[in-house]
């Protein structure tokens, strides 16, 4: 498949399923939640993919259950899973090639949990990380991507966003960013978007103007999501 470089001002990454191979751990957590409460595990997992845990709890938690108790229980499950995750192939090397002030992580995980997970896997500490507790509205609302771009001092429409979930891709498109699907997600929002399976062959470099050149991503004939030059 032909490839064409993207030229952007900054790179915004989702974390789980994009940089970190943790979806199986997250799926087990939500499956246990659903089974415990007699809910449909598939429905819960599908909704939870890429959305803050608070939104999933508000949507599925029965009225007689304690929100705070379940929130703490989920946080405990998540904390116990840190040693069970790893990088998506090639992700650490790709991220290390970026200037620290030109990339950010925007995640539906809580800030402290996200930082711990990133550290455990071996990524460099992000200069900017926007967690679920840093915004009033989580994905698919674009608030997190706007906040990250603002913290980096760039226009979100001049960024590229790497995401693996429908909610995250919708948020990226809402700010006008170039959106790249990571993994095998098959959803309506992915139609016409660039896609990578992992980070092998993806490279980041600075051009003479100080912008980020992204190479190794299949190009599209229809030019979906061009980044303004």
Protein backbone atom coordinates (compact mmCIF):
# COMPACT_ATOMS: atom_id res chain seq x y z
CA UNK A 1 0.00 0.00 0.00
CA UNK A 2 1.39 3.47 -0.85
CA UNK A 3 2.54 5.68 1.98
CA UNK A 4 2.65 9.46 2.33
CA UNK A 5 4.20 11.45 5.14
CA UNK A 6 2.08 13.52 7.49
CA UNK A 7 3.51 16.85 8.61
CA UNK A 8 2.07 18.09 11.90
CA UNK A 9 2.81 20.38 14.83
CA UNK A 10 2.33 17.73 17.52
CA UNK A 11 1.35 14.11 18.11
CA UNK A 12 -1.47 13.14 20.49
CA UNK A 13 -1.69 9.53 21.66
CA UNK A 14 -4.38 7.54 23.36
CA UNK A 15 -2.84 5.08 25.85
CA UNK A 16 -4.69 1.77 26.31
CA UNK A 17 -4.79 -0.18 23.06
CA UNK A 18 -2.75 2.47 21.27
CA UNK A 19 0.60 2.65 23.06
CA UNK A 20 -0.02 0.00 25.70
CA UNK A 21 -1.34 -3.51 25.05
CA UNK A 22 -3.85 -3.56 27.89
CA UNK A 23 -7.21 -4.18 26.24
CA UNK A 24 -7.41 -7.79 27.44
CA UNK A 25 -6.85 -6.63 31.02
CA UNK A 26 -9.48 -3.90 30.70
CA UNK A 27 -11.93 -6.33 29.08
CA UNK A 28 -11.52 -8.78 31.97
CA UNK A 29 -12.20 -6.00 34.46
CA UNK A 30 -15.44 -4.95 32.78
CA UNK A 31 -16.50 -8.55 32.22
CA UNK A 32 -16.19 -9.23 35.94
CA UNK A 33 -18.14 -6.05 36.67
CA UNK A 34 -20.93 -7.12 34.29
CA UNK A 35 -21.12 -10.72 35.48
CA UNK A 36 -21.19 -9.63 39.13
CA UNK A 37 -24.18 -7.38 38.45
CA UNK A 38 -25.97 -9.65 35.98
CA UNK A 39 -25.35 -7.35 33.02
CA UNK A 40 -24.51 -8.15 29.40
CA UNK A 41 -20.67 -8.33 29.33
CA UNK A 42 -20.47 -7.57 25.60
CA UNK A 43 -22.62 -4.46 25.91
CA UNK A 44 -20.57 -3.19 28.85
CA UNK A 45 -17.21 -3.88 27.18
CA UNK A 46 -18.30 -2.24 23.93
CA UNK A 47 -19.45 0.91 25.69
CA UNK A 48 -16.41 1.03 27.99
CA UNK A 49 -13.88 0.87 25.15
CA UNK A 50 -12.16 4.25 25.13
CA UNK A 51 -14.57 5.97 27.54
CA UNK A 52 -13.92 6.99 31.16
CA UNK A 53 -14.90 4.43 33.78
CA UNK A 54 -17.15 7.03 35.41
CA UNK A 55 -19.26 7.22 32.24
CA UNK A 56 -19.54 3.43 32.09
CA UNK A 57 -20.59 3.26 35.73
CA UNK A 58 -23.21 5.97 35.27
CA UNK A 59 -24.61 4.13 32.27
CA UNK A 60 -24.73 0.58 33.64
CA UNK A 61 -24.60 0.67 37.44
CA UNK A 62 -27.97 -0.23 38.99
CA UNK A 63 -29.48 2.50 41.15
CA UNK A 64 -29.19 0.45 44.35
CA UNK A 65 -25.41 0.02 43.92
CA UNK A 66 -22.89 2.50 45.37
CA UNK A 67 -21.09 4.49 42.68
CA UNK A 68 -18.20 5.36 45.01
CA UNK A 69 -17.70 1.76 46.13
CA UNK A 70 -17.63 0.48 42.57
CA UNK A 71 -15.33 3.28 41.46
CA UNK A 72 -12.84 2.32 44.17
CA UNK A 73 -13.22 -1.35 43.32
CA UNK A 74 -12.45 -0.73 39.66
CA UNK A 75 -9.48 1.46 40.58
CA UNK A 76 -8.15 -1.37 42.73
CA UNK A 77 -8.55 -3.89 39.89
CA UNK A 78 -6.75 -1.52 37.54
CA UNK A 79 -3.89 -0.94 39.97
CA UNK A 80 -3.42 -4.68 40.30
CA UNK A 81 -3.02 -5.09 36.54
CA UNK A 82 0.02 -2.87 36.01
CA UNK A 83 2.38 -5.83 35.69
CA UNK A 84 0.17 -7.52 33.09
CA UNK A 85 0.57 -4.97 30.29
CA UNK A 86 3.23 -4.29 27.66
CA UNK A 87 3.90 -1.91 24.79
CA UNK A 88 2.23 -2.24 21.43
CA UNK A 89 5.10 -3.50 19.25
CA UNK A 90 7.51 -0.67 18.41
CA UNK A 91 5.68 2.01 20.41
CA UNK A 92 8.43 2.91 22.88
CA UNK A 93 11.05 3.42 20.17
CA UNK A 94 8.62 5.53 18.12
CA UNK A 95 7.72 7.78 21.06
CA UNK A 96 11.35 8.21 22.13
CA UNK A 97 12.11 9.78 18.74
CA UNK A 98 9.75 12.68 19.46
CA UNK A 99 10.81 15.92 21.17
CA UNK A 100 9.22 15.85 24.62
CA UNK A 101 7.35 19.11 24.05
CA UNK A 102 5.74 17.84 20.84
CA UNK A 103 3.65 14.93 22.08
CA UNK A 104 1.00 14.22 24.69
CA UNK A 105 -1.11 11.37 26.02
CA UNK A 106 -4.89 11.80 26.20
CA UNK A 107 -6.47 8.88 28.02
CA UNK A 108 -9.76 7.81 29.57
CA UNK A 109 -7.80 6.38 32.50
CA UNK A 110 -7.28 8.40 35.66
CA UNK A 111 -4.11 10.51 35.63
CA UNK A 112 -2.21 8.68 38.39
CA UNK A 113 -3.08 5.25 36.99
CA UNK A 114 -2.04 6.33 33.49
CA UNK A 115 1.31 7.69 34.65
CA UNK A 116 1.98 4.50 36.59
CA UNK A 117 1.07 2.30 33.63
CA UNK A 118 3.27 4.30 31.24
CA UNK A 119 6.18 4.15 33.69
CA UNK A 120 5.73 0.41 34.28
CA UNK A 121 5.79 -0.40 30.57
CA UNK A 122 8.91 1.70 29.97
CA UNK A 123 7.76 4.80 28.09
CA UNK A 124 9.38 8.17 28.74
CA UNK A 125 7.29 10.37 31.04
CA UNK A 126 5.01 12.57 28.92
CA UNK A 127 5.44 16.33 29.14
CA UNK A 128 1.64 16.57 28.90
CA UNK A 129 -0.87 13.93 29.99
CA UNK A 130 -4.61 14.53 30.11
CA UNK A 131 -6.46 11.94 32.18
CA UNK A 132 -10.15 11.37 32.81
CA UNK A 133 -9.93 13.40 36.01
CA UNK A 134 -8.42 16.40 34.17
CA UNK A 135 -11.52 17.12 32.08
CA UNK A 136 -15.20 17.65 32.73
CA UNK A 137 -16.20 15.64 29.66
CA UNK A 138 -14.42 12.48 28.52
CA UNK A 139 -14.22 10.96 25.05
CA UNK A 140 -16.07 11.13 22.68
CA UNK A 141 -16.12 14.77 23.77
CA UNK A 142 -13.03 16.48 22.29
CA UNK A 143 -12.20 18.39 25.49
CA UNK A 144 -9.18 16.21 26.27
CA UNK A 145 -7.55 16.68 22.87
CA UNK A 146 -8.18 20.42 22.98
CA UNK A 147 -6.61 20.58 26.45
CA UNK A 148 -3.55 18.62 25.33
CA UNK A 149 -3.02 20.77 22.24
CA UNK A 150 -3.43 23.92 24.31
CA UNK A 151 -0.86 22.68 26.84
CA UNK A 152 1.58 22.05 23.98
CA UNK A 153 0.82 25.46 22.48
CA UNK A 154 -0.50 24.15 19.16
CA UNK A 155 -3.74 24.13 17.18
CA UNK A 156 -5.44 20.71 17.58
CA UNK A 157 -6.29 20.79 13.87
CA UNK A 158 -2.56 20.75 13.15
CA UNK A 159 -2.02 17.56 15.16
CA UNK A 160 -2.22 13.87 14.41
CA UNK A 161 -4.13 11.66 16.84
CA UNK A 162 -3.49 7.93 17.23
CA UNK A 163 -6.51 6.09 18.66
CA UNK A 164 -7.97 2.60 18.87
CA UNK A 165 -11.54 3.30 20.03
CA UNK A 166 -14.65 4.75 18.38
CA UNK A 167 -15.02 7.31 21.18
CA UNK A 168 -11.44 8.49 20.80
CA UNK A 169 -11.60 8.71 17.01
CA UNK A 170 -14.83 10.71 17.20
CA UNK A 171 -13.13 13.12 19.60
CA UNK A 172 -10.11 13.46 17.31
CA UNK A 173 -12.24 14.17 14.26
CA UNK A 174 -14.27 16.72 16.23
CA UNK A 175 -11.18 18.92 16.69
CA UNK A 176 -10.17 18.60 13.05
CA UNK A 177 -7.07 16.52 13.73
CA UNK A 178 -5.66 13.90 11.40
CA UNK A 179 -6.87 10.61 12.87
CA UNK A 180 -5.01 7.31 12.58
CA UNK A 181 -6.57 4.03 13.74
CA UNK A 182 -4.31 1.75 15.76
CA UNK A 183 -5.20 -1.94 15.65
CA UNK A 184 -8.08 -3.82 14.07
CA UNK A 185 -11.13 -1.81 15.13
CA UNK A 186 -13.94 -2.13 12.57
CA UNK A 187 -16.49 0.62 13.14
CA UNK A 188 -18.25 3.24 11.07
CA UNK A 189 -15.98 5.99 12.36
CA UNK A 190 -12.92 4.20 10.95
CA UNK A 191 -14.15 4.35 7.34
CA UNK A 192 -11.63 6.18 5.19
CA UNK A 193 -9.07 6.66 7.96
CA UNK A 194 -5.43 5.70 7.87
CA UNK A 195 -4.57 2.65 9.96
CA UNK A 196 -1.56 0.95 11.53
CA UNK A 197 -1.57 -2.47 13.18
CA UNK A 198 1.40 -1.65 15.42
CA UNK A 199 4.29 0.82 15.52
CA UNK A 200 6.81 -1.17 13.51
CA UNK A 201 7.98 1.00 10.63
CA UNK A 202 6.35 4.19 11.95
CA UNK A 203 8.87 7.02 12.40
CA UNK A 204 8.80 10.56 13.74
CA UNK A 205 11.36 13.24 12.84
CA UNK A 206 11.62 17.04 12.92
CA UNK A 207 11.87 18.92 9.63
CA UNK A 208 13.87 22.17 9.20
CA UNK A 209 10.77 24.20 10.11
CA UNK A 210 10.49 22.38 13.42
CA UNK A 211 7.37 20.42 12.51
CA UNK A 212 6.95 16.68 13.01
CA UNK A 213 7.18 14.44 9.96
CA UNK A 214 5.32 11.15 10.43
CA UNK A 215 6.25 8.35 8.06
CA UNK A 216 5.38 4.68 7.72
CA UNK A 217 1.59 5.12 7.69
CA UNK A 218 -0.42 3.88 4.67
CA UNK A 219 -1.83 6.76 2.64
CA UNK A 220 -5.33 7.10 1.28
CA UNK A 221 -6.47 7.99 -2.22
CA UNK A 222 -9.37 10.07 -0.92
CA UNK A 223 -7.20 12.31 1.26
CA UNK A 224 -9.33 11.93 4.37
CA UNK A 225 -8.17 14.10 7.29
CA UNK A 226 -5.40 16.08 5.60
CA UNK A 227 -3.35 18.18 8.02
CA UNK A 228 -3.17 21.83 7.08
CA UNK A 229 0.32 22.94 6.04
